[in-house]
């Protein structure tokens, strides 16, 4: 099993939305906001090479929306999906599976792109299956008012129309060494990959814990639809990571890719942070 960090770019989100009820005097020390209260965040995917399968976990925001939409999120930085894949000798056509933790736009927006004429969408990964689950899919195509702005039909419906969509059932593994933890606090049936790697496991945290700052159970995003469930789920993930010496892989932390935890009297705490390639 080989793992590669795939950086698809950076964007900005409101600090209050990302840290919920936590006072700005606390979270601003971790991820300083600009004059508009916006903080920088990564869109960091993970590429899993296992035998003849090449699995991309999430794929960033994509490029289908208009200038007004992107103007809300201040895209910045030199990273792109294609550049990151090329760094390791891969292209999008090599991807066999695209595993989508959930269908919010910053996690699945790169699944499809405009064709040359810009009159229809085409798969950005023409040889891949796209993995979701039936509960989350049904939740996303009929979104509640809270999440309506995050579930964009142009990101979601073309996946099904392409014939490349597959569903994973709860309790199933994608393949041996690629297990899935299901979480319902942030959104319905979010899937968190747990991948065997170098004698331990890498937990792709997605939005159970977007950054190092979110390892605290009470630092819950305002985006979460069930915040009390988010706290319980995060507590379980962090305690397990500390106990089993798992590697936490952060999708949105603008600085830290990975961390290991230790157990303290106050609960799990960061032991060290590092890039995945340094492990």
Protein backbone atom coordinates (compact mmCIF):
# COMPACT_ATOMS: atom_id res chain seq x y z
CA UNK A 1 0.00 0.00 0.00
CA UNK A 2 1.41 3.38 -1.05
CA UNK A 3 -0.14 6.69 -0.01
CA UNK A 4 0.40 10.09 -1.63
CA UNK A 5 -0.75 13.55 -0.53
CA UNK A 6 -2.68 15.32 -3.30
CA UNK A 7 -3.08 19.08 -2.83
CA UNK A 8 -5.89 20.53 -4.96
CA UNK A 9 -5.70 24.15 -3.79
CA UNK A 10 -6.66 26.47 -0.95
CA UNK A 11 -9.77 28.49 -0.20
CA UNK A 12 -11.13 30.69 2.59
CA UNK A 13 -14.05 30.16 4.94
CA UNK A 14 -15.45 32.21 7.79
CA UNK A 15 -13.63 31.44 11.02
CA UNK A 16 -16.78 31.58 13.09
CA UNK A 17 -18.46 29.02 10.84
CA UNK A 18 -15.46 26.69 11.06
CA UNK A 19 -15.11 26.89 14.86
CA UNK A 20 -18.73 27.37 15.94
CA UNK A 21 -19.20 28.62 19.49
CA UNK A 22 -15.47 28.74 20.26
CA UNK A 23 -14.42 32.37 20.92
CA UNK A 24 -12.35 34.03 18.23
CA UNK A 25 -9.71 34.92 20.84
CA UNK A 26 -9.00 31.18 21.04
CA UNK A 27 -9.26 29.93 17.44
CA UNK A 28 -7.60 32.98 15.91
CA UNK A 29 -4.31 31.86 17.48
CA UNK A 30 -4.52 28.61 15.52
CA UNK A 31 -5.75 29.86 12.16
CA UNK A 32 -5.58 33.68 12.03
CA UNK A 33 -8.41 35.42 10.17
CA UNK A 34 -8.14 38.33 7.75
CA UNK A 35 -10.05 41.61 8.05
CA UNK A 36 -13.20 39.86 6.78
CA UNK A 37 -12.95 37.08 9.39
CA UNK A 38 -11.95 34.62 6.66
CA UNK A 39 -9.36 31.91 7.37
CA UNK A 40 -7.31 29.93 4.83
CA UNK A 41 -8.04 26.23 4.44
CA UNK A 42 -6.55 23.44 2.36
CA UNK A 43 -8.38 21.03 0.09
CA UNK A 44 -6.08 18.06 0.55
CA UNK A 45 -6.92 14.69 -0.98
CA UNK A 46 -5.26 11.32 -0.45
CA UNK A 47 -4.21 8.91 -3.19
CA UNK A 48 -4.13 5.22 -2.25
CA UNK A 49 -2.17 2.81 -4.46
CA UNK A 50 -3.07 -0.81 -3.70
CA UNK A 51 -2.22 -3.46 -6.25
CA UNK A 52 -3.95 -2.56 -9.51
CA UNK A 53 -6.21 0.02 -7.85
CA UNK A 54 -5.52 3.71 -7.55
CA UNK A 55 -8.05 5.34 -5.23
CA UNK A 56 -8.45 9.10 -4.88
CA UNK A 57 -10.20 10.17 -1.67
CA UNK A 58 -12.13 13.41 -2.38
CA UNK A 59 -11.12 15.81 -5.16
CA UNK A 60 -11.57 19.43 -4.12
CA UNK A 61 -13.80 22.19 -5.39
CA UNK A 62 -13.39 21.74 -9.16
CA UNK A 63 -13.87 24.48 -11.77
CA UNK A 64 -17.50 24.29 -12.93
CA UNK A 65 -19.00 27.20 -11.01
CA UNK A 66 -19.03 30.81 -12.13
CA UNK A 67 -16.85 33.71 -11.04
CA UNK A 68 -19.42 34.93 -8.52
CA UNK A 69 -19.46 31.55 -6.74
CA UNK A 70 -15.69 31.29 -6.54
CA UNK A 71 -15.53 34.91 -5.40
CA UNK A 72 -17.11 33.83 -2.11
CA UNK A 73 -14.28 31.39 -1.38
CA UNK A 74 -11.11 33.24 -2.41
CA UNK A 75 -9.33 30.39 -4.16
CA UNK A 76 -5.59 30.81 -3.91
CA UNK A 77 -2.22 29.06 -4.08
CA UNK A 78 -0.29 27.23 -6.79
CA UNK A 79 -1.58 23.70 -6.09
CA UNK A 80 -3.86 21.83 -8.48
CA UNK A 81 -5.06 18.26 -8.66
CA UNK A 82 -3.27 17.62 -11.94
CA UNK A 83 0.04 19.06 -10.72
CA UNK A 84 -0.12 16.99 -7.56
CA UNK A 85 -0.88 13.78 -9.45
CA UNK A 86 1.93 14.48 -11.92
CA UNK A 87 4.39 14.83 -9.04
CA UNK A 88 3.99 11.09 -8.46
CA UNK A 89 3.80 10.11 -12.12
CA UNK A 90 0.01 9.78 -12.37
CA UNK A 91 -2.80 11.39 -14.37
CA UNK A 92 -6.53 11.48 -13.79
CA UNK A 93 -6.95 8.67 -16.33
CA UNK A 94 -4.98 6.36 -14.02
CA UNK A 95 -7.53 6.68 -11.21
CA UNK A 96 -9.64 3.52 -10.79
CA UNK A 97 -11.80 4.69 -7.90
CA UNK A 98 -12.88 8.08 -6.55
CA UNK A 99 -14.00 7.69 -2.95
CA UNK A 100 -16.20 10.58 -1.85
CA UNK A 101 -16.40 11.05 1.92
CA UNK A 102 -19.48 13.20 1.35
CA UNK A 103 -20.95 15.37 -1.37
CA UNK A 104 -20.36 18.92 -0.12
CA UNK A 105 -18.93 20.99 -2.96
CA UNK A 106 -15.39 21.28 -1.58
CA UNK A 107 -15.07 17.49 -1.45
CA UNK A 108 -16.62 16.37 -4.74
CA UNK A 109 -16.57 19.42 -7.04
CA UNK A 110 -13.66 18.04 -9.08
CA UNK A 111 -15.53 14.88 -10.09
CA UNK A 112 -16.83 16.41 -13.31
CA UNK A 113 -15.67 19.25 -15.56
CA UNK A 114 -16.86 21.20 -18.57
CA UNK A 115 -16.20 19.71 -21.99
CA UNK A 116 -14.25 21.74 -24.54
CA UNK A 117 -17.38 23.45 -25.87
CA UNK A 118 -18.60 24.17 -22.32
CA UNK A 119 -22.08 22.92 -23.15
CA UNK A 120 -22.10 19.77 -21.00
CA UNK A 121 -20.16 18.06 -18.23
CA UNK A 122 -17.79 15.14 -18.64
CA UNK A 123 -16.16 12.90 -16.03
CA UNK A 124 -12.84 14.25 -14.79
CA UNK A 125 -11.89 10.61 -14.08
CA UNK A 126 -13.18 8.69 -17.07
CA UNK A 127 -11.89 5.29 -15.97
CA UNK A 128 -13.00 5.44 -12.33
CA UNK A 129 -15.93 4.32 -10.24
CA UNK A 130 -17.32 7.01 -7.92
CA UNK A 131 -18.10 5.69 -4.44
CA UNK A 132 -20.80 7.11 -2.17
CA UNK A 133 -23.54 5.46 -0.12
CA UNK A 134 -27.29 5.34 -0.60
CA UNK A 135 -28.21 7.14 2.64
CA UNK A 136 -25.91 10.07 1.97
CA UNK A 137 -26.82 10.20 -1.72
CA UNK A 138 -30.53 10.50 -0.98
CA UNK A 139 -29.76 13.12 1.67
CA UNK A 140 -27.69 15.14 -0.82
CA UNK A 141 -30.09 15.13 -3.77
CA UNK A 142 -32.94 16.40 -1.57
CA UNK A 143 -30.98 18.72 0.73
CA UNK A 144 -32.27 20.35 3.86
CA UNK A 145 -32.24 24.15 4.14
CA UNK A 146 -29.09 24.02 6.31
CA UNK A 147 -27.01 22.24 3.66
CA UNK A 148 -28.66 23.38 0.43
CA UNK A 149 -25.78 25.72 -0.44
CA UNK A 150 -23.26 22.90 0.00
CA UNK A 151 -24.97 20.23 -2.12
CA UNK A 152 -24.80 21.44 -5.73
CA UNK A 153 -26.74 19.43 -8.30
CA UNK A 154 -24.12 20.05 -10.99
CA UNK A 155 -21.57 18.28 -8.78
CA UNK A 156 -23.80 15.35 -7.86
CA UNK A 157 -26.30 14.35 -10.54
CA UNK A 158 -23.74 13.91 -13.38
CA UNK A 159 -22.07 11.16 -11.34
CA UNK A 160 -25.22 9.06 -11.47
CA UNK A 161 -25.96 9.98 -15.09
CA UNK A 162 -22.50 8.79 -16.13
CA UNK A 163 -23.15 5.23 -14.96
CA UNK A 164 -19.96 5.36 -12.86
CA UNK A 165 -21.65 5.67 -9.46
CA UNK A 166 -21.38 2.83 -6.93
CA UNK A 167 -22.70 2.60 -3.37
CA UNK A 168 -20.90 1.17 -0.37
CA UNK A 169 -22.95 -0.38 2.42
CA UNK A 170 -22.28 0.33 6.09
CA UNK A 171 -19.91 -2.28 7.48
CA UNK A 172 -18.30 -3.00 4.11
CA UNK A 173 -14.69 -2.32 3.18
CA UNK A 174 -13.71 -0.96 -0.20
CA UNK A 175 -11.03 -3.66 -0.21
CA UNK A 176 -8.75 -5.33 2.33
CA UNK A 177 -6.84 -2.65 4.21
CA UNK A 178 -9.32 0.10 3.26
CA UNK A 179 -12.00 0.25 5.95
CA UNK A 180 -14.66 2.90 6.53
CA UNK A 181 -16.01 4.61 9.66
CA UNK A 182 -19.46 6.14 9.26
CA UNK A 183 -20.31 9.44 10.96
CA UNK A 184 -23.54 11.44 11.06
CA UNK A 185 -22.72 14.63 12.94
CA UNK A 186 -21.42 16.80 10.12
CA UNK A 187 -23.81 15.42 7.53
CA UNK A 188 -25.81 12.24 7.01
CA UNK A 189 -23.62 9.13 6.59
CA UNK A 190 -20.24 10.74 6.00
CA UNK A 191 -17.66 8.02 5.25
CA UNK A 192 -14.24 8.25 6.91
CA UNK A 193 -11.56 5.99 5.34
CA UNK A 194 -9.17 4.16 7.64
CA UNK A 195 -6.28 2.81 5.56
CA UNK A 196 -3.58 0.34 6.61
CA UNK A 197 -0.14 1.89 6.23
CA UNK A 198 3.34 0.97 7.45
CA UNK A 199 2.20 -1.05 10.43
CA UNK A 200 -0.46 1.41 11.55
CA UNK A 201 -3.49 3.10 10.00
CA UNK A 202 -4.11 6.47 8.40
CA UNK A 203 -7.46 8.05 9.25
CA UNK A 204 -8.64 10.43 6.54
CA UNK A 205 -10.47 12.82 8.86
CA UNK A 206 -12.53 14.71 6.25
CA UNK A 207 -15.01 16.87 8.20
CA UNK A 208 -15.07 14.82 11.39
CA UNK A 209 -11.95 16.86 12.22
CA UNK A 210 -11.00 19.30 9.44
CA UNK A 211 -7.78 20.46 11.12
CA UNK A 212 -5.48 20.01 14.10
CA UNK A 213 -7.53 22.64 15.91
CA UNK A 214 -10.58 20.41 15.66
CA UNK A 215 -9.23 17.45 17.62
CA UNK A 216 -11.02 18.93 20.65
CA UNK A 217 -14.51 17.36 20.74
CA UNK A 218 -16.19 20.67 21.64
CA UNK A 219 -14.68 22.63 18.73
CA UNK A 220 -17.60 21.81 16.45
CA UNK A 221 -18.23 23.56 13.14
CA UNK A 222 -21.38 25.61 12.72
CA UNK A 223 -21.91 23.65 9.48
CA UNK A 224 -22.56 20.40 11.39
CA UNK A 225 -26.19 19.29 11.32
CA UNK A 226 -25.96 17.28 14.57
CA UNK A 227 -23.32 18.97 16.74
CA UNK A 228 -23.77 16.70 19.77
CA UNK A 229 -23.22 13.66 17.54
CA UNK A 230 -20.15 15.38 16.09
CA UNK A 231 -18.70 15.68 19.58
CA UNK A 232 -19.28 12.00 20.37
CA UNK A 233 -17.89 10.85 17.03
CA UNK A 234 -14.81 13.03 17.30
CA UNK A 235 -14.15 11.87 20.85
CA UNK A 236 -14.26 8.26 19.64
CA UNK A 237 -11.98 8.96 16.67
CA UNK A 238 -9.42 10.83 18.78
CA UNK A 239 -9.36 8.32 21.63
CA UNK A 240 -8.93 5.49 19.14
CA UNK A 241 -6.14 7.35 17.36
CA UNK A 242 -4.27 7.91 20.62
CA UNK A 243 -4.75 4.30 21.73
CA UNK A 244 -3.80 2.66 18.43
CA UNK A 245 -1.14 5.20 17.40
CA UNK A 246 -3.01 5.94 14.21
CA UNK A 247 -2.04 8.77 11.87
CA UNK A 248 -4.65 11.50 11.44
CA UNK A 249 -4.68 12.98 7.93
CA UNK A 250 -6.29 16.43 7.78
CA UNK A 251 -8.13 17.47 4.63
CA UNK A 252 -8.48 21.17 5.46
CA UNK A 253 -5.64 22.15 7.79
CA UNK A 254 -3.70 24.88 5.92
CA UNK A 255 -0.39 23.93 7.54
CA UNK A 256 -0.44 20.45 9.05
CA UNK A 257 -1.01 17.34 6.92
CA UNK A 258 -0.82 14.73 9.64
CA UNK A 259 -0.64 14.24 13.39
CA UNK A 260 -0.30 11.53 15.97
CA UNK A 261 -1.90 11.85 19.40
CA UNK A 262 -1.11 10.92 22.97
CA UNK A 263 -3.54 10.45 25.82
CA UNK A 264 -3.35 13.03 28.62
CA UNK A 265 -5.38 13.77 31.76
CA UNK A 266 -7.40 16.23 29.69
CA UNK A 267 -7.91 13.80 26.82
CA UNK A 268 -6.11 13.22 23.51
CA UNK A 269 -3.50 15.84 22.57
CA UNK A 270 -1.15 16.29 19.63
CA UNK A 271 2.08 14.36 19.97
CA UNK A 272 3.60 15.68 16.75
CA UNK A 273 2.60 16.96 13.33
CA UNK A 274 4.32 16.03 10.08
CA UNK A 275 3.91 15.50 6.35
CA UNK A 276 2.83 12.05 5.30
CA UNK A 277 5.97 11.53 3.24
CA UNK A 278 8.04 12.06 6.42
CA UNK A 279 6.49 9.07 8.19
